[in-house]
């Protein structure tokens, strides 16, 4: 597909760039340390358990899956 004829390609690239910028700012907020980010998210889970969606049995680590 010719990029010059399809303006949605440029629009898609702009959306991806915006998402990357937000992800970078979030990472920067936690010193680019994924452990700090996960610790923060785990604290949020404790503060708002009503907002959590339980995982299905197949998504739970260590649970045997049915064959």
PDB file of N, CA and C in Angstrom:
ATOM      1  N   UNK A   1       0.848  -1.176   0.000  1.00  0.00           N
ATOM      2  CA  UNK A   1       0.000   0.000   0.000  1.00  0.00           C
ATOM      3  C   UNK A   1       0.892   1.237   0.000  1.00  0.00           C
ATOM      4  N   UNK A   2       0.554   2.190  -0.818  1.00  0.00           N
ATOM      5  CA  UNK A   2       1.340   3.406  -0.940  1.00  0.00           C
ATOM      6  C   UNK A   2       1.008   4.346   0.214  1.00  0.00           C
ATOM      7  N   UNK A   3       2.033   4.736   0.991  1.00  0.00           N
ATOM      8  CA  UNK A   3       1.836   5.590   2.169  1.00  0.00           C
ATOM      9  C   UNK A   3       1.286   6.960   1.782  1.00  0.00           C
ATOM     10  N   UNK A   4       1.652   7.470   0.611  1.00  0.00           N
ATOM     11  CA  UNK A   4       1.174   8.780   0.183  1.00  0.00           C
ATOM     12  C   UNK A   4      -0.330   8.775  -0.054  1.00  0.00           C
ATOM     13  N   UNK A   5      -0.895   7.649  -0.444  1.00  0.00           N
ATOM     14  CA  UNK A   5      -2.317   7.571  -0.744  1.00  0.00           C
ATOM     15  C   UNK A   5      -3.160   7.195   0.470  1.00  0.00           C
ATOM     16  N   UNK A   6      -2.542   6.778   1.536  1.00  0.00           N
ATOM     17  CA  UNK A   6      -3.286   6.322   2.718  1.00  0.00           C
ATOM     18  C   UNK A   6      -2.955   7.201   3.921  1.00  0.00           C
ATOM     19  N   UNK A   7      -3.773   8.253   4.182  1.00  0.00           N
ATOM     20  CA  UNK A   7      -3.480   9.154   5.313  1.00  0.00           C
ATOM     21  C   UNK A   7      -3.610   8.476   6.668  1.00  0.00           C
ATOM     22  N   UNK A   8      -4.298   7.324   6.752  1.00  0.00           N
ATOM     23  CA  UNK A   8      -4.452   6.641   8.036  1.00  0.00           C
ATOM     24  C   UNK A   8      -3.130   6.101   8.560  1.00  0.00           C
ATOM     25  N   UNK A   9      -2.162   5.854   7.675  1.00  0.00           N
ATOM     26  CA  UNK A   9      -0.860   5.369   8.123  1.00  0.00           C
ATOM     27  C   UNK A   9      -0.193   6.445   8.978  1.00  0.00           C
ATOM     28  N   UNK A  10      -0.205   7.694   8.517  1.00  0.00           N
ATOM     29  CA  UNK A  10       0.385   8.791   9.282  1.00  0.00           C
ATOM     30  C   UNK A  10      -0.356   8.989  10.596  1.00  0.00           C
ATOM     31  N   UNK A  11      -1.678   8.904  10.557  1.00  0.00           N
ATOM     32  CA  UNK A  11      -2.481   9.055  11.766  1.00  0.00           C
ATOM     33  C   UNK A  11      -2.147   7.940  12.764  1.00  0.00           C
ATOM     34  N   UNK A  12      -1.998   6.723  12.281  1.00  0.00           N
ATOM     35  CA  UNK A  12      -1.641   5.595  13.140  1.00  0.00           C
ATOM     36  C   UNK A  12      -0.277   5.802  13.776  1.00  0.00           C
ATOM     37  N   UNK A  13       0.662   6.326  13.028  1.00  0.00           N
ATOM     38  CA  UNK A  13       1.994   6.586  13.566  1.00  0.00           C
ATOM     39  C   UNK A  13       1.946   7.648  14.664  1.00  0.00           C
ATOM     40  N   UNK A  14       1.092   8.643  14.495  1.00  0.00           N
ATOM     41  CA  UNK A  14       0.945   9.686  15.511  1.00  0.00           C
ATOM     42  C   UNK A  14       0.350   9.105  16.793  1.00  0.00           C
ATOM     43  N   UNK A  15      -0.628   8.218  16.641  1.00  0.00           N
ATOM     44  CA  UNK A  15      -1.227   7.586  17.814  1.00  0.00           C
ATOM     45  C   UNK A  15      -0.209   6.729  18.552  1.00  0.00           C
ATOM     46  N   UNK A  16       0.581   5.983  17.810  1.00  0.00           N
ATOM     47  CA  UNK A  16       1.617   5.148  18.427  1.00  0.00           C
ATOM     48  C   UNK A  16       2.637   6.019  19.138  1.00  0.00           C
ATOM     49  N   UNK A  17       3.031   7.126  18.526  1.00  0.00           N
ATOM     50  CA  UNK A  17       3.984   8.036  19.152  1.00  0.00           C
ATOM     51  C   UNK A  17       3.420   8.607  20.449  1.00  0.00           C
ATOM     52  N   UNK A  18       2.122   8.927  20.468  1.00  0.00           N
ATOM     53  CA  UNK A  18       1.491   9.457  21.678  1.00  0.00           C
ATOM     54  C   UNK A  18       1.478   8.400  22.785  1.00  0.00           C
ATOM     55  N   UNK A  19       1.178   7.162  22.429  1.00  0.00           N
ATOM     56  CA  UNK A  19       1.174   6.068  23.410  1.00  0.00           C
ATOM     57  C   UNK A  19       2.576   5.856  23.969  1.00  0.00           C
ATOM     58  N   UNK A  20       3.568   5.881  23.089  1.00  0.00           N
ATOM     59  CA  UNK A  20       4.959   5.702  23.550  1.00  0.00           C
ATOM     60  C   UNK A  20       5.372   6.822  24.498  1.00  0.00           C
ATOM     61  N   UNK A  21       4.920   8.049  24.213  1.00  0.00           N
ATOM     62  CA  UNK A  21       5.254   9.186  25.077  1.00  0.00           C
ATOM     63  C   UNK A  21       4.660   8.993  26.468  1.00  0.00           C
ATOM     64  N   UNK A  22       3.409   8.562  26.538  1.00  0.00           N
ATOM     65  CA  UNK A  22       2.767   8.328  27.839  1.00  0.00           C
ATOM     66  C   UNK A  22       3.491   7.214  28.578  1.00  0.00           C
ATOM     67  N   UNK A  23       3.806   6.137  27.881  1.00  0.00           N
ATOM     68  CA  UNK A  23       4.525   5.023  28.521  1.00  0.00           C
ATOM     69  C   UNK A  23       5.885   5.484  29.044  1.00  0.00           C
ATOM     70  N   UNK A  24       6.549   6.340  28.289  1.00  0.00           N
ATOM     71  CA  UNK A  24       7.854   6.841  28.725  1.00  0.00           C
ATOM     72  C   UNK A  24       7.710   7.703  29.977  1.00  0.00           C
ATOM     73  N   UNK A  25       6.684   8.557  30.023  1.00  0.00           N
ATOM     74  CA  UNK A  25       6.475   9.403  31.204  1.00  0.00           C
ATOM     75  C   UNK A  25       6.157   8.560  32.439  1.00  0.00           C
ATOM     76  N   UNK A  26       5.371   7.500  32.253  1.00  0.00           N
ATOM     77  CA  UNK A  26       5.074   6.604  33.380  1.00  0.00           C
ATOM     78  C   UNK A  26       6.363   5.937  33.850  1.00  0.00           C
ATOM     79  N   UNK A  27       7.150   5.432  32.922  1.00  0.00           N
ATOM     80  CA  UNK A  27       8.410   4.785  33.275  1.00  0.00           C
ATOM     81  C   UNK A  27       9.350   5.762  33.977  1.00  0.00           C
ATOM     82  N   UNK A  28       9.403   6.979  33.469  1.00  0.00           N
ATOM     83  CA  UNK A  28      10.265   8.012  34.051  1.00  0.00           C
ATOM     84  C   UNK A  28       9.849   8.329  35.493  1.00  0.00           C
ATOM     85  N   UNK A  29       8.547   8.325  35.739  1.00  0.00           N
ATOM     86  CA  UNK A  29       8.021   8.606  37.084  1.00  0.00           C
ATOM     87  C   UNK A  29       8.562   7.619  38.122  1.00  0.00           C
ATOM     88  N   UNK A  30       8.867   6.404  37.682  1.00  0.00           N
ATOM     89  CA  UNK A  30       9.362   5.369  38.585  1.00  0.00           C
ATOM     90  C   UNK A  30      10.849   5.084  38.362  1.00  0.00           C
ATOM     91  N   UNK A  31      11.553   6.065  37.821  1.00  0.00           N
ATOM     92  CA  UNK A  31      12.994   5.926  37.627  1.00  0.00           C
ATOM     93  C   UNK A  31      13.353   4.824  36.653  1.00  0.00           C
ATOM     94  N   UNK A  32      12.468   4.531  35.723  1.00  0.00           N
ATOM     95  CA  UNK A  32      12.648   3.466  34.732  1.00  0.00           C
ATOM     96  C   UNK A  32      12.927   2.123  35.406  1.00  0.00           C
ATOM     97  N   UNK A  33      12.356   1.954  36.606  1.00  0.00           N
ATOM     98  CA  UNK A  33      12.536   0.724  37.390  1.00  0.00           C
ATOM     99  C   UNK A  33      11.220  -0.050  37.388  1.00  0.00           C
ATOM    100  N   UNK A  34      11.145  -1.156  36.636  1.00  0.00           N
ATOM    101  CA  UNK A  34       9.883  -1.898  36.569  1.00  0.00           C
ATOM    102  C   UNK A  34       9.439  -2.454  37.922  1.00  0.00           C
ATOM    103  N   UNK A  35      10.384  -2.735  38.813  1.00  0.00           N
ATOM    104  CA  UNK A  35      10.022  -3.248  40.141  1.00  0.00           C
ATOM    105  C   UNK A  35       9.282  -2.180  40.949  1.00  0.00           C
ATOM    106  N   UNK A  36       9.716  -0.930  40.833  1.00  0.00           N
ATOM    107  CA  UNK A  36       9.017   0.163  41.534  1.00  0.00           C
ATOM    108  C   UNK A  36       7.622   0.358  40.967  1.00  0.00           C
ATOM    109  N   UNK A  37       7.485   0.251  39.652  1.00  0.00           N
ATOM    110  CA  UNK A  37       6.176   0.398  39.016  1.00  0.00           C
ATOM    111  C   UNK A  37       5.239  -0.719  39.482  1.00  0.00           C
ATOM    112  N   UNK A  38       5.717  -1.959  39.488  1.00  0.00           N
ATOM    113  CA  UNK A  38       4.882  -3.080  39.918  1.00  0.00           C
ATOM    114  C   UNK A  38       4.508  -2.938  41.388  1.00  0.00           C
ATOM    115  N   UNK A  39       5.442  -2.507  42.221  1.00  0.00           N
ATOM    116  CA  UNK A  39       5.144  -2.310  43.647  1.00  0.00           C
ATOM    117  C   UNK A  39       4.034  -1.263  43.806  1.00  0.00           C
ATOM    118  N   UNK A  40       4.106  -0.193  43.038  1.00  0.00           N
ATOM    119  CA  UNK A  40       3.074   0.846  43.081  1.00  0.00           C
ATOM    120  C   UNK A  40       1.718   0.280  42.650  1.00  0.00           C
ATOM    121  N   UNK A  41       1.704  -0.494  41.574  1.00  0.00           N
ATOM    122  CA  UNK A  41       0.448  -1.070  41.087  1.00  0.00           C
ATOM    123  C   UNK A  41      -0.138  -2.058  42.095  1.00  0.00           C
ATOM    124  N   UNK A  42       0.721  -2.803  42.782  1.00  0.00           N
ATOM    125  CA  UNK A  42       0.238  -3.738  43.792  1.00  0.00           C
ATOM    126  C   UNK A  42      -0.396  -2.995  44.965  1.00  0.00           C
ATOM    127  N   UNK A  43       0.174  -1.847  45.331  1.00  0.00           N
ATOM    128  CA  UNK A  43      -0.422  -1.030  46.392  1.00  0.00           C
ATOM    129  C   UNK A  43      -1.786  -0.500  45.962  1.00  0.00           C
ATOM    130  N   UNK A  44      -1.900  -0.085  44.705  1.00  0.00           N
ATOM    131  CA  UNK A  44      -3.193   0.380  44.207  1.00  0.00           C
ATOM    132  C   UNK A  44      -4.233  -0.730  44.274  1.00  0.00           C
ATOM    133  N   UNK A  45      -3.819  -1.947  43.971  1.00  0.00           N
ATOM    134  CA  UNK A  45      -4.744  -3.083  44.050  1.00  0.00           C
ATOM    135  C   UNK A  45      -5.260  -3.257  45.473  1.00  0.00           C
ATOM    136  N   UNK A  46      -4.383  -3.098  46.448  1.00  0.00           N
ATOM    137  CA  UNK A  46      -4.790  -3.240  47.844  1.00  0.00           C
ATOM    138  C   UNK A  46      -5.785  -2.141  48.240  1.00  0.00           C
ATOM    139  N   UNK A  47      -5.576  -0.942  47.712  1.00  0.00           N
ATOM    140  CA  UNK A  47      -6.439   0.190  48.049  1.00  0.00           C
ATOM    141  C   UNK A  47      -7.805   0.122  47.359  1.00  0.00           C
ATOM    142  N   UNK A  48      -7.869  -0.574  46.229  1.00  0.00           N
ATOM    143  CA  UNK A  48      -9.109  -0.618  45.445  1.00  0.00           C
ATOM    144  C   UNK A  48      -9.442  -2.045  45.001  1.00  0.00           C
ATOM    145  N   UNK A  49      -9.650  -2.964  45.943  1.00  0.00           N
ATOM    146  CA  UNK A  49      -9.929  -4.356  45.544  1.00  0.00           C
ATOM    147  C   UNK A  49     -11.243  -4.505  44.779  1.00  0.00           C
ATOM    148  N   UNK A  50     -12.162  -3.565  44.953  1.00  0.00           N
ATOM    149  CA  UNK A  50     -13.446  -3.640  44.267  1.00  0.00           C
ATOM    150  C   UNK A  50     -13.317  -3.443  42.755  1.00  0.00           C
ATOM    151  N   UNK A  51     -12.184  -2.903  42.323  1.00  0.00           N
ATOM    152  CA  UNK A  51     -11.981  -2.650  40.897  1.00  0.00           C
ATOM    153  C   UNK A  51     -11.264  -3.793  40.186  1.00  0.00           C
ATOM    154  N   UNK A  52     -10.830  -4.796  40.924  1.00  0.00           N
ATOM    155  CA  UNK A  52     -10.097  -5.904  40.322  1.00  0.00           C
ATOM    156  C   UNK A  52     -11.050  -6.895  39.672  1.00  0.00           C
ATOM    157  N   UNK A  53     -10.624  -7.449  38.567  1.00  0.00           N
ATOM    158  CA  UNK A  53     -11.370  -8.496  37.884  1.00  0.00           C
ATOM    159  C   UNK A  53     -10.612  -9.794  38.135  1.00  0.00           C
ATOM    160  N   UNK A  54     -11.262 -10.787  38.758  1.00  0.00           N
ATOM    161  CA  UNK A  54     -10.550 -12.030  39.055  1.00  0.00           C
ATOM    162  C   UNK A  54     -10.117 -12.745  37.776  1.00  0.00           C
ATOM    163  N   UNK A  55      -8.947 -13.368  37.833  1.00  0.00           N
ATOM    164  CA  UNK A  55      -8.435 -14.123  36.693  1.00  0.00           C
ATOM    165  C   UNK A  55      -9.167 -15.452  36.602  1.00  0.00           C
ATOM    166  N   UNK A  56      -9.278 -15.954  35.382  1.00  0.00           N
ATOM    167  CA  UNK A  56      -9.863 -17.275  35.215  1.00  0.00           C
ATOM    168  C   UNK A  56      -8.859 -18.315  35.703  1.00  0.00           C
ATOM    169  N   UNK A  57      -9.314 -19.531  35.921  1.00  0.00           N
ATOM    170  CA  UNK A  57      -8.428 -20.587  36.431  1.00  0.00           C
ATOM    171  C   UNK A  57      -7.227 -20.810  35.524  1.00  0.00           C
ATOM    172  N   UNK A  58      -7.418 -20.704  34.219  1.00  0.00           N
ATOM    173  CA  UNK A  58      -6.316 -20.963  33.292  1.00  0.00           C
ATOM    174  C   UNK A  58      -5.273 -19.855  33.325  1.00  0.00           C
ATOM    175  N   UNK A  59      -5.626 -18.678  33.851  1.00  0.00           N
ATOM    176  CA  UNK A  59      -4.677 -17.567  33.908  1.00  0.00           C
ATOM    177  C   UNK A  59      -3.874 -17.540  35.201  1.00  0.00           C
ATOM    178  N   UNK A  60      -4.274 -18.315  36.171  1.00  0.00           N
ATOM    179  CA  UNK A  60      -3.604 -18.310  37.462  1.00  0.00           C
ATOM    180  C   UNK A  60      -2.331 -19.123  37.373  1.00  0.00           C
ATOM    181  N   UNK A  61      -1.201 -18.519  37.740  1.00  0.00           N
ATOM    182  CA  UNK A  61       0.089 -19.195  37.679  1.00  0.00           C
ATOM    183  C   UNK A  61       0.110 -20.344  38.660  1.00  0.00           C
ATOM    184  N   UNK A  62       0.598 -21.471  38.216  1.00  0.00           N
ATOM    185  CA  UNK A  62       0.720 -22.619  39.099  1.00  0.00           C
ATOM    186  C   UNK A  62      -0.498 -23.502  39.120  1.00  0.00           C
ATOM    187  N   UNK A  63      -1.576 -23.063  38.512  1.00  0.00           N
ATOM    188  CA  UNK A  63      -2.792 -23.866  38.440  1.00  0.00           C
ATOM    189  C   UNK A  63      -2.650 -24.845  37.270  1.00  0.00           C
ATOM    190  N   UNK A  64      -2.953 -26.115  37.493  1.00  0.00           N
ATOM    191  CA  UNK A  64      -2.932 -27.044  36.364  1.00  0.00           C
ATOM    192  C   UNK A  64      -4.068 -26.723  35.397  1.00  0.00           C
ATOM    193  N   UNK A  65      -3.803 -26.845  34.112  1.00  0.00           N
ATOM    194  CA  UNK A  65      -4.841 -26.608  33.117  1.00  0.00           C
ATOM    195  C   UNK A  65      -5.488 -27.932  32.760  1.00  0.00           C
ATOM    196  N   UNK A  66      -6.755 -27.874  32.395  1.00  0.00           N
ATOM    197  CA  UNK A  66      -7.465 -29.094  31.997  1.00  0.00           C
ATOM    198  C   UNK A  66      -7.016 -29.508  30.623  1.00  0.00           C
ATOM    199  N   UNK A  67      -6.846 -30.798  30.441  1.00  0.00           N
ATOM    200  CA  UNK A  67      -6.405 -31.315  29.127  1.00  0.00           C
ATOM    201  C   UNK A  67      -7.551 -31.878  28.350  1.00  0.00           C
TER     202      UNK A  67
END
